[in-house]
Amino acid sequence: AVTSRWGVRHCGRFAAWYRSHYDELPSATLHR
């Protein structure tokens, strides 16, 4: 829902990019 709101179309690519930038998966951030 969050990534869709911001126009992300490729979730797999986004998750890899997010992880390389924040050193965790987006789901880990959400559940922190």
PDB file of all heavy atoms in Angstrom:
ATOM      1  N   ALA A   1       0.832  -1.206   0.000  1.00  0.00           N
ATOM      2  CA  ALA A   1       0.000   0.000   0.000  1.00  0.00           C
ATOM      3  C   ALA A   1       0.867   1.257   0.000  1.00  0.00           C
ATOM      4  O   ALA A   1       0.593   2.218  -0.725  1.00  0.00           O
ATOM      5  CB  ALA A   1      -0.944  -0.002   1.191  1.00  0.00           C
ATOM      6  N   VAL A   2       1.911   1.250   0.800  1.00  0.00           N
ATOM      7  CA  VAL A   2       2.798   2.418   0.892  1.00  0.00           C
ATOM      8  C   VAL A   2       3.547   2.627  -0.427  1.00  0.00           C
ATOM      9  O   VAL A   2       3.580   3.736  -0.958  1.00  0.00           O
ATOM     10  CB  VAL A   2       3.787   2.276   2.074  1.00  0.00           C
ATOM     11  CG1 VAL A   2       4.849   3.378   2.038  1.00  0.00           C
ATOM     12  CG2 VAL A   2       3.037   2.290   3.397  1.00  0.00           C
ATOM     13  N   THR A   3       4.123   1.571  -0.965  1.00  0.00           N
ATOM     14  CA  THR A   3       4.888   1.729  -2.209  1.00  0.00           C
ATOM     15  C   THR A   3       3.979   2.102  -3.372  1.00  0.00           C
ATOM     16  O   THR A   3       4.362   2.898  -4.226  1.00  0.00           O
ATOM     17  CB  THR A   3       5.691   0.456  -2.545  1.00  0.00           C
ATOM     18  OG1 THR A   3       4.807  -0.657  -2.622  1.00  0.00           O
ATOM     19  CG2 THR A   3       6.776   0.206  -1.511  1.00  0.00           C
ATOM     20  N   SER A   4       2.777   1.571  -3.388  1.00  0.00           N
ATOM     21  CA  SER A   4       1.821   1.913  -4.436  1.00  0.00           C
ATOM     22  C   SER A   4       1.465   3.397  -4.379  1.00  0.00           C
ATOM     23  O   SER A   4       1.356   4.064  -5.410  1.00  0.00           O
ATOM     24  CB  SER A   4       0.566   1.062  -4.283  1.00  0.00           C
ATOM     25  OG  SER A   4      -0.407   1.449  -5.203  1.00  0.00           O
ATOM     26  N   ARG A   5       1.295   3.935  -3.180  1.00  0.00           N
ATOM     27  CA  ARG A   5       0.988   5.356  -2.996  1.00  0.00           C
ATOM     28  C   ARG A   5       2.075   6.243  -3.609  1.00  0.00           C
ATOM     29  O   ARG A   5       1.799   7.335  -4.082  1.00  0.00           O
ATOM     30  CB  ARG A   5       0.848   5.653  -1.511  1.00  0.00           C
ATOM     31  CG  ARG A   5       0.436   7.069  -1.199  1.00  0.00           C
ATOM     32  CD  ARG A   5       0.218   7.331   0.284  1.00  0.00           C
ATOM     33  NE  ARG A   5      -0.229   6.163   1.020  1.00  0.00           N
ATOM     34  CZ  ARG A   5       0.303   5.764   2.186  1.00  0.00           C
ATOM     35  NH1 ARG A   5       1.284   6.433   2.742  1.00  0.00           N
ATOM     36  NH2 ARG A   5      -0.145   4.695   2.800  1.00  0.00           N
ATOM     37  N   TRP A   6       3.313   5.750  -3.593  1.00  0.00           N
ATOM     38  CA  TRP A   6       4.433   6.531  -4.102  1.00  0.00           C
ATOM     39  C   TRP A   6       4.836   6.138  -5.516  1.00  0.00           C
ATOM     40  O   TRP A   6       5.897   6.522  -5.995  1.00  0.00           O
ATOM     41  CB  TRP A   6       5.613   6.447  -3.136  1.00  0.00           C
ATOM     42  CG  TRP A   6       5.299   7.183  -1.884  1.00  0.00           C
ATOM     43  CD1 TRP A   6       4.952   6.651  -0.675  1.00  0.00           C
ATOM     44  CD2 TRP A   6       5.233   8.601  -1.733  1.00  0.00           C
ATOM     45  NE1 TRP A   6       4.684   7.656   0.213  1.00  0.00           N
ATOM     46  CE2 TRP A   6       4.848   8.862  -0.408  1.00  0.00           C
ATOM     47  CE3 TRP A   6       5.464   9.681  -2.592  1.00  0.00           C
ATOM     48  CZ2 TRP A   6       4.686  10.158   0.088  1.00  0.00           C
ATOM     49  CZ3 TRP A   6       5.300  10.968  -2.103  1.00  0.00           C
ATOM     50  CH2 TRP A   6       4.920  11.198  -0.780  1.00  0.00           C
ATOM     51  N   GLY A   7       4.008   5.367  -6.191  1.00  0.00           N
ATOM     52  CA  GLY A   7       4.232   5.087  -7.609  1.00  0.00           C
ATOM     53  C   GLY A   7       5.229   3.990  -7.925  1.00  0.00           C
ATOM     54  O   GLY A   7       5.710   3.907  -9.052  1.00  0.00           O
ATOM     55  N   VAL A   8       5.541   3.135  -6.972  1.00  0.00           N
ATOM     56  CA  VAL A   8       6.467   2.035  -7.226  1.00  0.00           C
ATOM     57  C   VAL A   8       5.746   0.966  -8.033  1.00  0.00           C
ATOM     58  O   VAL A   8       4.674   0.506  -7.655  1.00  0.00           O
ATOM     59  CB  VAL A   8       7.013   1.442  -5.907  1.00  0.00           C
ATOM     60  CG1 VAL A   8       7.824   0.198  -6.167  1.00  0.00           C
ATOM     61  CG2 VAL A   8       7.834   2.486  -5.175  1.00  0.00           C
ATOM     62  N   ARG A   9       6.344   0.575  -9.149  1.00  0.00           N
ATOM     63  CA  ARG A   9       5.726  -0.417 -10.016  1.00  0.00           C
ATOM     64  C   ARG A   9       6.426  -1.770  -9.971  1.00  0.00           C
ATOM     65  O   ARG A   9       5.848  -2.777 -10.301  1.00  0.00           O
ATOM     66  CB  ARG A   9       5.715   0.091 -11.457  1.00  0.00           C
ATOM     67  CG  ARG A   9       4.740   1.223 -11.665  1.00  0.00           C
ATOM     68  CD  ARG A   9       4.976   1.901 -13.003  1.00  0.00           C
ATOM     69  NE  ARG A   9       4.297   3.169 -13.141  1.00  0.00           N
ATOM     70  CZ  ARG A   9       4.563   4.283 -12.503  1.00  0.00           C
ATOM     71  NH1 ARG A   9       5.513   4.308 -11.600  1.00  0.00           N
ATOM     72  NH2 ARG A   9       3.901   5.390 -12.727  1.00  0.00           N
ATOM     73  N   HIS A  10       7.680  -1.801  -9.586  1.00  0.00           N
ATOM     74  CA  HIS A  10       8.462  -3.039  -9.556  1.00  0.00           C
ATOM     75  C   HIS A  10       8.886  -3.316  -8.118  1.00  0.00           C
ATOM     76  O   HIS A  10       9.939  -2.870  -7.676  1.00  0.00           O
ATOM     77  CB  HIS A  10       9.689  -2.924 -10.469  1.00  0.00           C
ATOM     78  CG  HIS A  10       9.349  -2.564 -11.868  1.00  0.00           C
ATOM     79  ND1 HIS A  10       8.784  -3.465 -12.743  1.00  0.00           N
ATOM     80  CD2 HIS A  10       9.454  -1.401 -12.542  1.00  0.00           C
ATOM     81  CE1 HIS A  10       8.578  -2.867 -13.897  1.00  0.00           C
ATOM     82  NE2 HIS A  10       8.961  -1.616 -13.800  1.00  0.00           N
ATOM     83  N   CYS A  11       8.063  -4.056  -7.408  1.00  0.00           N
ATOM     84  CA  CYS A  11       8.292  -4.274  -5.978  1.00  0.00           C
ATOM     85  C   CYS A  11       9.599  -4.999  -5.680  1.00  0.00           C
ATOM     86  O   CYS A  11      10.289  -4.663  -4.726  1.00  0.00           O
ATOM     87  CB  CYS A  11       7.109  -5.012  -5.365  1.00  0.00           C
ATOM     88  SG  CYS A  11       5.631  -3.987  -5.329  1.00  0.00           S
ATOM     89  N   GLY A  12       9.950  -5.987  -6.497  1.00  0.00           N
ATOM     90  CA  GLY A  12      11.188  -6.717  -6.264  1.00  0.00           C
ATOM     91  C   GLY A  12      12.410  -5.834  -6.410  1.00  0.00           C
ATOM     92  O   GLY A  12      13.317  -5.846  -5.570  1.00  0.00           O
ATOM     93  N   ARG A  13      12.438  -5.056  -7.468  1.00  0.00           N
ATOM     94  CA  ARG A  13      13.550  -4.132  -7.698  1.00  0.00           C
ATOM     95  C   ARG A  13      13.600  -3.081  -6.589  1.00  0.00           C
ATOM     96  O   ARG A  13      14.665  -2.736  -6.081  1.00  0.00           O
ATOM     97  CB  ARG A  13      13.373  -3.459  -9.063  1.00  0.00           C
ATOM     98  CG  ARG A  13      14.581  -2.694  -9.514  1.00  0.00           C
ATOM     99  CD  ARG A  13      14.416  -2.064 -10.871  1.00  0.00           C
ATOM    100  NE  ARG A  13      13.801  -2.969 -11.846  1.00  0.00           N
ATOM    101  CZ  ARG A  13      13.133  -2.562 -12.908  1.00  0.00           C
ATOM    102  NH1 ARG A  13      12.987  -1.276 -13.151  1.00  0.00           N
ATOM    103  NH2 ARG A  13      12.615  -3.415 -13.755  1.00  0.00           N
ATOM    104  N   PHE A  14      12.418  -2.594  -6.213  1.00  0.00           N
ATOM    105  CA  PHE A  14      12.359  -1.603  -5.145  1.00  0.00           C
ATOM    106  C   PHE A  14      12.899  -2.177  -3.837  1.00  0.00           C
ATOM    107  O   PHE A  14      13.679  -1.526  -3.143  1.00  0.00           O
ATOM    108  CB  PHE A  14      10.921  -1.106  -4.926  1.00  0.00           C
ATOM    109  CG  PHE A  14      10.777  -0.383  -3.630  1.00  0.00           C
ATOM    110  CD1 PHE A  14      11.236   0.920  -3.505  1.00  0.00           C
ATOM    111  CD2 PHE A  14      10.246  -1.006  -2.517  1.00  0.00           C
ATOM    112  CE1 PHE A  14      11.156   1.581  -2.289  1.00  0.00           C
ATOM    113  CE2 PHE A  14      10.158  -0.357  -1.300  1.00  0.00           C
ATOM    114  CZ  PHE A  14      10.615   0.947  -1.189  1.00  0.00           C
ATOM    115  N   ALA A  15      12.483  -3.395  -3.480  1.00  0.00           N
ATOM    116  CA  ALA A  15      12.923  -4.003  -2.217  1.00  0.00           C
ATOM    117  C   ALA A  15      14.445  -4.128  -2.172  1.00  0.00           C
ATOM    118  O   ALA A  15      15.066  -3.859  -1.135  1.00  0.00           O
ATOM    119  CB  ALA A  15      12.260  -5.361  -2.027  1.00  0.00           C
ATOM    120  N   ALA A  16      15.047  -4.496  -3.284  1.00  0.00           N
ATOM    121  CA  ALA A  16      16.507  -4.613  -3.339  1.00  0.00           C
ATOM    122  C   ALA A  16      17.165  -3.250  -3.172  1.00  0.00           C
ATOM    123  O   ALA A  16      18.159  -3.108  -2.454  1.00  0.00           O
ATOM    124  CB  ALA A  16      16.931  -5.255  -4.654  1.00  0.00           C
ATOM    125  N   TRP A  17      16.620  -2.258  -3.824  1.00  0.00           N
ATOM    126  CA  TRP A  17      17.154  -0.901  -3.733  1.00  0.00           C
ATOM    127  C   TRP A  17      16.986  -0.362  -2.318  1.00  0.00           C
ATOM    128  O   TRP A  17      17.895   0.237  -1.749  1.00  0.00           O
ATOM    129  CB  TRP A  17      16.438  -0.040  -4.773  1.00  0.00           C
ATOM    130  CG  TRP A  17      16.930   1.348  -4.903  1.00  0.00           C
ATOM    131  CD1 TRP A  17      18.216   1.753  -5.062  1.00  0.00           C
ATOM    132  CD2 TRP A  17      16.143   2.532  -4.918  1.00  0.00           C
ATOM    133  NE1 TRP A  17      18.285   3.117  -5.173  1.00  0.00           N
ATOM    134  CE2 TRP A  17      17.005   3.616  -5.085  1.00  0.00           C
ATOM    135  CE3 TRP A  17      14.778   2.769  -4.810  1.00  0.00           C
ATOM    136  CZ2 TRP A  17      16.564   4.929  -5.139  1.00  0.00           C
ATOM    137  CZ3 TRP A  17      14.344   4.080  -4.876  1.00  0.00           C
ATOM    138  CH2 TRP A  17      15.228   5.135  -5.030  1.00  0.00           C
ATOM    139  N   TYR A  18      15.819  -0.593  -1.726  1.00  0.00           N
ATOM    140  CA  TYR A  18      15.545  -0.155  -0.354  1.00  0.00           C
ATOM    141  C   TYR A  18      16.537  -0.806   0.608  1.00  0.00           C
ATOM    142  O   TYR A  18      17.121  -0.143   1.456  1.00  0.00           O
ATOM    143  CB  TYR A  18      14.104  -0.526   0.023  1.00  0.00           C
ATOM    144  CG  TYR A  18      13.664   0.005   1.363  1.00  0.00           C
ATOM    145  CD1 TYR A  18      12.967   1.202   1.452  1.00  0.00           C
ATOM    146  CD2 TYR A  18      13.927  -0.696   2.545  1.00  0.00           C
ATOM    147  CE1 TYR A  18      12.545   1.692   2.680  1.00  0.00           C
ATOM    148  CE2 TYR A  18      13.519  -0.211   3.767  1.00  0.00           C
ATOM    149  CZ  TYR A  18      12.834   0.988   3.832  1.00  0.00           C
ATOM    150  OH  TYR A  18      12.424   1.475   5.047  1.00  0.00           O
ATOM    151  N   ARG A  19      16.721  -2.098   0.437  1.00  0.00           N
ATOM    152  CA  ARG A  19      17.628  -2.827   1.333  1.00  0.00           C
ATOM    153  C   ARG A  19      19.064  -2.313   1.210  1.00  0.00           C
ATOM    154  O   ARG A  19      19.774  -2.178   2.204  1.00  0.00           O
ATOM    155  CB  ARG A  19      17.581  -4.320   1.045  1.00  0.00           C
ATOM    156  CG  ARG A  19      18.397  -5.108   2.027  1.00  0.00           C
ATOM    157  CD  ARG A  19      18.243  -6.581   1.828  1.00  0.00           C
ATOM    158  NE  ARG A  19      18.886  -7.274   2.926  1.00  0.00           N
ATOM    159  CZ  ARG A  19      18.699  -8.520   3.198  1.00  0.00           C
ATOM    160  NH1 ARG A  19      17.886  -9.262   2.473  1.00  0.00           N
ATOM    161  NH2 ARG A  19      19.327  -9.080   4.211  1.00  0.00           N
ATOM    162  N   SER A  20      19.489  -2.020  -0.010  1.00  0.00           N
ATOM    163  CA  SER A  20      20.858  -1.519  -0.179  1.00  0.00           C
ATOM    164  C   SER A  20      21.012  -0.124   0.435  1.00  0.00           C
ATOM    165  O   SER A  20      22.085   0.233   0.892  1.00  0.00           O
ATOM    166  CB  SER A  20      21.254  -1.506  -1.655  1.00  0.00           C
ATOM    167  OG  SER A  20      20.597  -0.483  -2.350  1.00  0.00           O
ATOM    168  N   HIS A  21      19.938   0.643   0.479  1.00  0.00           N
ATOM    169  CA  HIS A  21      20.001   2.001   1.026  1.00  0.00           C
ATOM    170  C   HIS A  21      19.832   2.023   2.548  1.00  0.00           C
ATOM    171  O   HIS A  21      20.513   2.773   3.241  1.00  0.00           O
ATOM    172  CB  HIS A  21      18.933   2.876   0.356  1.00  0.00           C
ATOM    173  CG  HIS A  21      19.136   4.330   0.564  1.00  0.00           C
ATOM    174  ND1 HIS A  21      20.065   5.051  -0.142  1.00  0.00           N
ATOM    175  CD2 HIS A  21      18.534   5.198   1.396  1.00  0.00           C
ATOM    176  CE1 HIS A  21      20.027   6.309   0.258  1.00  0.00           C
ATOM    177  NE2 HIS A  21      19.106   6.426   1.185  1.00  0.00           N
ATOM    178  N   TYR A  22      18.889   1.222   3.069  1.00  0.00           N
ATOM    179  CA  TYR A  22      18.582   1.239   4.507  1.00  0.00           C
ATOM    180  C   TYR A  22      19.070   0.009   5.255  1.00  0.00           C
ATOM    181  O   TYR A  22      18.862  -0.094   6.468  1.00  0.00           O
ATOM    182  CB  TYR A  22      17.072   1.406   4.721  1.00  0.00           C
ATOM    183  CG  TYR A  22      16.596   2.794   4.356  1.00  0.00           C
ATOM    184  CD1 TYR A  22      15.873   3.014   3.193  1.00  0.00           C
ATOM    185  CD2 TYR A  22      16.886   3.885   5.158  1.00  0.00           C
ATOM    186  CE1 TYR A  22      15.439   4.287   2.847  1.00  0.00           C
ATOM    187  CE2 TYR A  22      16.467   5.153   4.831  1.00  0.00           C
ATOM    188  CZ  TYR A  22      15.744   5.349   3.664  1.00  0.00           C
ATOM    189  OH  TYR A  22      15.328   6.612   3.332  1.00  0.00           O
ATOM    190  N   ASP A  23      19.671  -0.929   4.562  1.00  0.00           N
ATOM    191  CA  ASP A  23      20.229  -2.136   5.161  1.00  0.00           C
ATOM    192  C   ASP A  23      19.172  -2.981   5.877  1.00  0.00           C
ATOM    193  O   ASP A  23      19.461  -3.623   6.892  1.00  0.00           O
ATOM    194  CB  ASP A  23      21.381  -1.791   6.112  1.00  0.00           C
ATOM    195  CG  ASP A  23      22.297  -2.980   6.353  1.00  0.00           C
ATOM    196  OD1 ASP A  23      22.405  -3.828   5.433  1.00  0.00           O
ATOM    197  OD2 ASP A  23      22.880  -3.065   7.443  1.00  0.00           O
ATOM    198  N   GLU A  24      17.951  -2.943   5.373  1.00  0.00           N
ATOM    199  CA  GLU A  24      16.888  -3.816   5.842  1.00  0.00           C
ATOM    200  C   GLU A  24      15.780  -3.837   4.797  1.00  0.00           C
ATOM    201  O   GLU A  24      15.703  -2.946   3.954  1.00  0.00           O
ATOM    202  CB  GLU A  24      16.328  -3.386   7.196  1.00  0.00           C
ATOM    203  CG  GLU A  24      15.547  -2.088   7.188  1.00  0.00           C
ATOM    204  CD  GLU A  24      15.039  -1.701   8.579  1.00  0.00           C
ATOM    205  OE1 GLU A  24      15.368  -2.382   9.563  1.00  0.00           O
ATOM    206  OE2 GLU A  24      14.320  -0.698   8.668  1.00  0.00           O
ATOM    207  N   LEU A  25      14.942  -4.830   4.863  1.00  0.00           N
ATOM    208  CA  LEU A  25      13.809  -4.913   3.942  1.00  0.00           C
ATOM    209  C   LEU A  25      12.723  -3.929   4.365  1.00  0.00           C
ATOM    210  O   LEU A  25      12.617  -3.592   5.554  1.00  0.00           O
ATOM    211  CB  LEU A  25      13.243  -6.334   3.931  1.00  0.00           C
ATOM    212  CG  LEU A  25      14.135  -7.398   3.310  1.00  0.00           C
ATOM    213  CD1 LEU A  25      13.550  -8.783   3.533  1.00  0.00           C
ATOM    214  CD2 LEU A  25      14.313  -7.131   1.823  1.00  0.00           C
ATOM    215  N   PRO A  26      11.921  -3.468   3.416  1.00  0.00           N
ATOM    216  CA  PRO A  26      10.826  -2.560   3.773  1.00  0.00           C
ATOM    217  C   PRO A  26       9.906  -3.152   4.842  1.00  0.00           C
ATOM    218  O   PRO A  26       9.455  -2.433   5.736  1.00  0.00           O
ATOM    219  CB  PRO A  26      10.071  -2.365   2.453  1.00  0.00           C
ATOM    220  CG  PRO A  26      11.046  -2.711   1.392  1.00  0.00           C
ATOM    221  CD  PRO A  26      11.974  -3.718   1.975  1.00  0.00           C
ATOM    222  N   SER A  27       9.651  -4.440   4.779  1.00  0.00           N
ATOM    223  CA  SER A  27       8.775  -5.081   5.774  1.00  0.00           C
ATOM    224  C   SER A  27       9.371  -4.990   7.177  1.00  0.00           C
ATOM    225  O   SER A  27       8.644  -4.855   8.168  1.00  0.00           O
ATOM    226  CB  SER A  27       8.497  -6.530   5.396  1.00  0.00           C
ATOM    227  OG  SER A  27       9.710  -7.246   5.276  1.00  0.00           O
ATOM    228  N   ALA A  28      10.693  -5.047   7.291  1.00  0.00           N
ATOM    229  CA  ALA A  28      11.337  -4.919   8.607  1.00  0.00           C
ATOM    230  C   ALA A  28      11.153  -3.515   9.151  1.00  0.00           C
ATOM    231  O   ALA A  28      10.932  -3.332  10.355  1.00  0.00           O
ATOM    232  CB  ALA A  28      12.821  -5.263   8.499  1.00  0.00           C
ATOM    233  N   THR A  29      11.218  -2.509   8.287  1.00  0.00           N
ATOM    234  CA  THR A  29      10.986  -1.135   8.712  1.00  0.00           C
ATOM    235  C   THR A  29       9.561  -0.979   9.211  1.00  0.00           C
ATOM    236  O   THR A  29       9.320  -0.381  10.275  1.00  0.00           O
ATOM    237  CB  THR A  29      11.242  -0.143   7.568  1.00  0.00           C
ATOM    238  OG1 THR A  29      12.583  -0.309   7.072  1.00  0.00           O
ATOM    239  CG2 THR A  29      11.057   1.297   8.008  1.00  0.00           C
ATOM    240  N   LEU A  30       8.603  -1.524   8.475  1.00  0.00           N
ATOM    241  CA  LEU A  30       7.192  -1.411   8.851  1.00  0.00           C
ATOM    242  C   LEU A  30       6.919  -2.072  10.200  1.00  0.00           C
ATOM    243  O   LEU A  30       6.147  -1.550  10.995  1.00  0.00           O
ATOM    244  CB  LEU A  30       6.309  -2.037   7.765  1.00  0.00           C
ATOM    245  CG  LEU A  30       4.810  -2.049   8.032  1.00  0.00           C
ATOM    246  CD1 LEU A  30       4.274  -0.619   8.175  1.00  0.00           C
ATOM    247  CD2 LEU A  30       4.077  -2.778   6.925  1.00  0.00           C
ATOM    248  N   HIS A  31       7.571  -3.175  10.465  1.00  0.00           N
ATOM    249  CA  HIS A  31       7.308  -3.915  11.693  1.00  0.00           C
ATOM    250  C   HIS A  31       8.254  -3.543  12.831  1.00  0.00           C
ATOM    251  O   HIS A  31       8.296  -4.229  13.855  1.00  0.00           O
ATOM    252  CB  HIS A  31       7.356  -5.423  11.414  1.00  0.00           C
ATOM    253  CG  HIS A  31       6.223  -5.871  10.576  1.00  0.00           C
ATOM    254  ND1 HIS A  31       6.310  -5.912   9.186  1.00  0.00           N
ATOM    255  CD2 HIS A  31       4.966  -6.261  10.884  1.00  0.00           C
ATOM    256  CE1 HIS A  31       5.155  -6.323   8.692  1.00  0.00           C
ATOM    257  NE2 HIS A  31       4.322  -6.550   9.702  1.00  0.00           N
ATOM    258  N   ARG A  32       8.992  -2.455  12.678  1.00  0.00           N
ATOM    259  CA  ARG A  32       9.989  -2.063  13.678  1.00  0.00           C
ATOM    260  C   ARG A  32       9.385  -1.464  14.933  1.00  0.00           C
ATOM    261  O   ARG A  32      10.032  -1.366  15.946  1.00  0.00           O
ATOM    262  CB  ARG A  32      10.950  -1.051  13.054  1.00  0.00           C
ATOM    263  CG  ARG A  32      12.162  -0.837  13.939  1.00  0.00           C
ATOM    264  CD  ARG A  32      13.074   0.238  13.503  1.00  0.00           C
ATOM    265  NE  ARG A  32      13.558   0.062  12.157  1.00  0.00           N
ATOM    266  CZ  ARG A  32      14.193   1.019  11.492  1.00  0.00           C
ATOM    267  NH1 ARG A  32      14.379   2.192  12.048  1.00  0.00           N
ATOM    268  NH2 ARG A  32      14.619   0.818  10.282  1.00  0.00           N
TER     269      ARG A  32
END
